Amino acid sequence: MKRKINWLQLIIIIVVTELVGVLGNILSGNARGVYASFEKPPLSPPGWLFGVIWPILYLLMAIAVYIIYEAPPSPDSERATNLYWLQLFVNFLWPVVFFRFGWYWVAVAVIILLDILVVITMKYFYDINKTAAYLLIPYLVWILFATYLNIGVAVLN
């Protein structure tokens, strides 16, 4: 039996998730200018691409956690949602550490923590709802790529 979508809850989760991304971007300072000034590793995308990719990833993340919220309550679903919000907080911190403060090696540690938290979150999501976990795959791929870029910038700058 299919459950009815709670549109208000879904919209709230999407807006909150997107706002966390926007706030992280605002607090990161002049990220575009800083990014443009870097010596970049091979495969570095143009700066404008980040503004296209991130809102899509945040949308997929929000839909994934909404699916978990709609799952029958359990200790695992509570852990999964707590992990989601924790990884989102770490995601929020990364651009501030990287762009605002220019602590590239600290940012490497932050993004590796993010990578680990997302993998753990996906594992919990997978045990509850496979679709929710699959929705996080593009996010994981992107942050792994961002980890490579972060390390490359740290080495080259």
Protein backbone atom coordinates (compact mmCIF):
# COMPACT_ATOMS: atom_id res chain seq x y z
CA MET A 1 0.00 0.00 0.00
CA LYS A 2 1.40 3.35 -1.03
CA ARG A 3 1.49 6.11 1.55
CA LYS A 4 0.18 9.52 0.72
CA ILE A 5 2.83 12.22 0.38
CA ASN A 6 2.83 14.78 3.17
CA TRP A 7 3.57 17.72 0.91
CA LEU A 8 3.97 20.24 3.74
CA GLN A 9 6.56 18.09 5.52
CA LEU A 10 8.39 17.41 2.25
CA ILE A 11 8.49 21.11 1.35
CA ILE A 12 9.71 22.06 4.84
CA ILE A 13 12.52 19.50 4.65
CA ILE A 14 13.50 20.69 1.17
CA VAL A 15 13.48 24.35 2.23
CA VAL A 16 15.48 23.69 5.41
CA THR A 17 18.05 21.59 3.54
CA GLU A 18 18.40 24.17 0.75
CA LEU A 19 18.65 27.01 3.31
CA VAL A 20 21.51 25.23 5.09
CA GLY A 21 23.33 25.19 1.75
CA VAL A 22 22.54 28.85 1.09
CA LEU A 23 23.67 29.87 4.58
CA GLY A 24 26.92 27.93 4.21
CA ASN A 25 27.49 29.69 0.90
CA ILE A 26 26.79 33.12 2.38
CA LEU A 27 29.07 32.52 5.37
CA SER A 28 31.84 31.22 3.11
CA GLY A 29 32.44 34.77 1.83
CA ASN A 30 33.62 35.38 -1.71
CA ALA A 31 33.78 31.70 -2.68
CA ARG A 32 33.66 32.40 -6.43
CA GLY A 33 36.50 34.89 -6.28
CA VAL A 34 38.58 32.66 -4.04
CA TYR A 35 37.95 29.62 -6.26
CA ALA A 36 38.94 31.60 -9.36
CA SER A 37 42.23 32.59 -7.71
CA PHE A 38 43.36 29.03 -6.96
CA GLU A 39 45.93 26.95 -8.72
CA LYS A 40 43.58 24.03 -9.42
CA PRO A 41 44.16 20.31 -9.91
CA PRO A 42 43.26 18.58 -13.19
CA LEU A 43 39.52 18.06 -13.84
CA SER A 44 38.54 21.15 -11.83
CA PRO A 45 35.13 22.31 -13.04
CA PRO A 46 34.27 25.93 -13.81
CA GLY A 47 33.07 27.84 -10.76
CA TRP A 48 29.52 28.36 -12.08
CA LEU A 49 28.92 24.60 -12.08
CA PHE A 50 28.84 24.47 -8.27
CA GLY A 51 25.82 26.79 -8.25
CA VAL A 52 24.00 24.38 -10.57
CA ILE A 53 24.99 21.11 -8.91
CA TRP A 54 24.47 21.91 -5.22
CA PRO A 55 20.75 22.86 -5.30
CA ILE A 56 20.04 19.61 -7.17
CA LEU A 57 22.03 17.58 -4.65
CA TYR A 58 20.30 19.29 -1.72
CA LEU A 59 16.93 18.49 -3.30
CA LEU A 60 17.83 14.80 -3.67
CA MET A 61 19.14 14.73 -0.09
CA ALA A 62 15.94 16.29 1.23
CA ILE A 63 13.75 13.81 -0.64
CA ALA A 64 15.86 10.97 0.74
CA VAL A 65 15.50 12.06 4.35
CA TYR A 66 11.77 12.70 3.81
CA ILE A 67 11.44 9.04 2.77
CA ILE A 68 13.17 8.03 6.01
CA TYR A 69 10.91 10.35 8.04
CA GLU A 70 7.92 8.62 6.48
CA ALA A 71 9.22 5.14 7.39
CA PRO A 72 7.75 3.46 10.46
CA PRO A 73 9.44 4.91 13.56
CA SER A 74 12.31 2.85 14.93
CA PRO A 75 15.65 3.38 16.64
CA ASP A 76 17.32 2.90 13.24
CA SER A 77 15.17 5.53 11.52
CA GLU A 78 15.89 7.95 14.36
CA ARG A 79 19.64 7.26 14.02
CA ALA A 80 19.40 7.67 10.25
CA THR A 81 17.71 11.07 10.50
CA ASN A 82 20.15 12.21 13.20
CA LEU A 83 23.04 11.18 10.92
CA TYR A 84 21.45 13.08 8.06
CA TRP A 85 21.29 16.31 10.07
CA LEU A 86 24.82 15.75 11.40
CA GLN A 87 26.29 15.27 7.92
CA LEU A 88 24.33 18.31 6.72
CA PHE A 89 25.90 20.37 9.52
CA VAL A 90 29.38 19.16 8.52
CA ASN A 91 28.48 19.98 4.90
CA PHE A 92 27.55 23.49 6.08
CA LEU A 93 30.89 23.89 7.88
CA TRP A 94 33.11 22.86 4.99
CA PRO A 95 32.79 25.95 2.74
CA VAL A 96 33.24 28.24 5.74
CA VAL A 97 36.46 26.46 6.76
CA PHE A 98 37.70 26.23 3.17
CA PHE A 99 36.71 29.56 1.61
CA ARG A 100 36.17 31.97 4.51
CA PHE A 101 39.18 30.94 6.58
CA GLY A 102 41.38 29.41 3.87
CA TRP A 103 42.27 26.48 6.11
CA TYR A 104 42.67 24.04 3.23
CA TRP A 105 44.15 21.16 5.22
CA VAL A 106 41.58 21.54 8.01
CA ALA A 107 38.95 21.52 5.27
CA VAL A 108 40.43 18.22 4.03
CA ALA A 109 39.76 16.73 7.47
CA VAL A 110 36.23 18.19 7.48
CA ILE A 111 35.39 16.83 4.03
CA ILE A 112 36.80 13.39 4.85
CA LEU A 113 34.58 13.39 7.94
CA LEU A 114 31.70 14.37 5.65
CA ASP A 115 32.52 11.50 3.27
CA ILE A 116 32.46 9.04 6.17
CA LEU A 117 29.23 10.42 7.62
CA VAL A 118 27.49 10.25 4.24
CA VAL A 119 28.54 6.62 3.73
CA ILE A 120 27.25 5.74 7.22
CA THR A 121 24.04 7.69 6.58
CA MET A 122 23.57 5.81 3.31
CA LYS A 123 24.02 2.49 5.10
CA TYR A 124 21.30 3.38 7.62
CA PHE A 125 19.06 4.69 4.86
CA TYR A 126 19.63 1.52 2.83
CA ASP A 127 18.53 -0.66 5.74
CA ILE A 128 15.29 1.35 5.98
CA ASN A 129 14.57 2.23 2.35
CA LYS A 130 16.86 1.48 -0.58
CA THR A 131 15.49 4.33 -2.69
CA ALA A 132 16.45 6.84 0.02
CA ALA A 133 20.00 5.49 0.00
CA TYR A 134 20.20 5.54 -3.81
CA LEU A 135 19.13 9.20 -3.84
CA LEU A 136 22.33 10.00 -1.92
CA ILE A 137 24.64 8.39 -4.50
CA PRO A 138 25.07 11.58 -6.62
CA TYR A 139 25.85 13.52 -3.43
CA LEU A 140 28.45 10.98 -2.36
CA VAL A 141 30.07 10.99 -5.79
CA TRP A 142 30.18 14.79 -5.82
CA ILE A 143 31.70 15.13 -2.34
CA LEU A 144 34.28 12.46 -3.13
CA PHE A 145 35.19 14.53 -6.18
CA ALA A 146 35.22 17.63 -3.94
CA THR A 147 37.59 15.77 -1.60
CA TYR A 148 39.97 15.29 -4.51
CA LEU A 149 39.65 18.98 -5.43
CA ASN A 150 40.18 20.06 -1.80
CA ILE A 151 43.34 17.97 -1.50
CA GLY A 152 44.55 19.28 -4.86
CA VAL A 153 44.00 22.90 -3.83
CA ALA A 154 45.71 22.28 -0.47
CA VAL A 155 48.75 20.80 -2.22
CA LEU A 156 48.96 23.41 -4.99
CA ASN A 157 48.27 26.51 -2.90
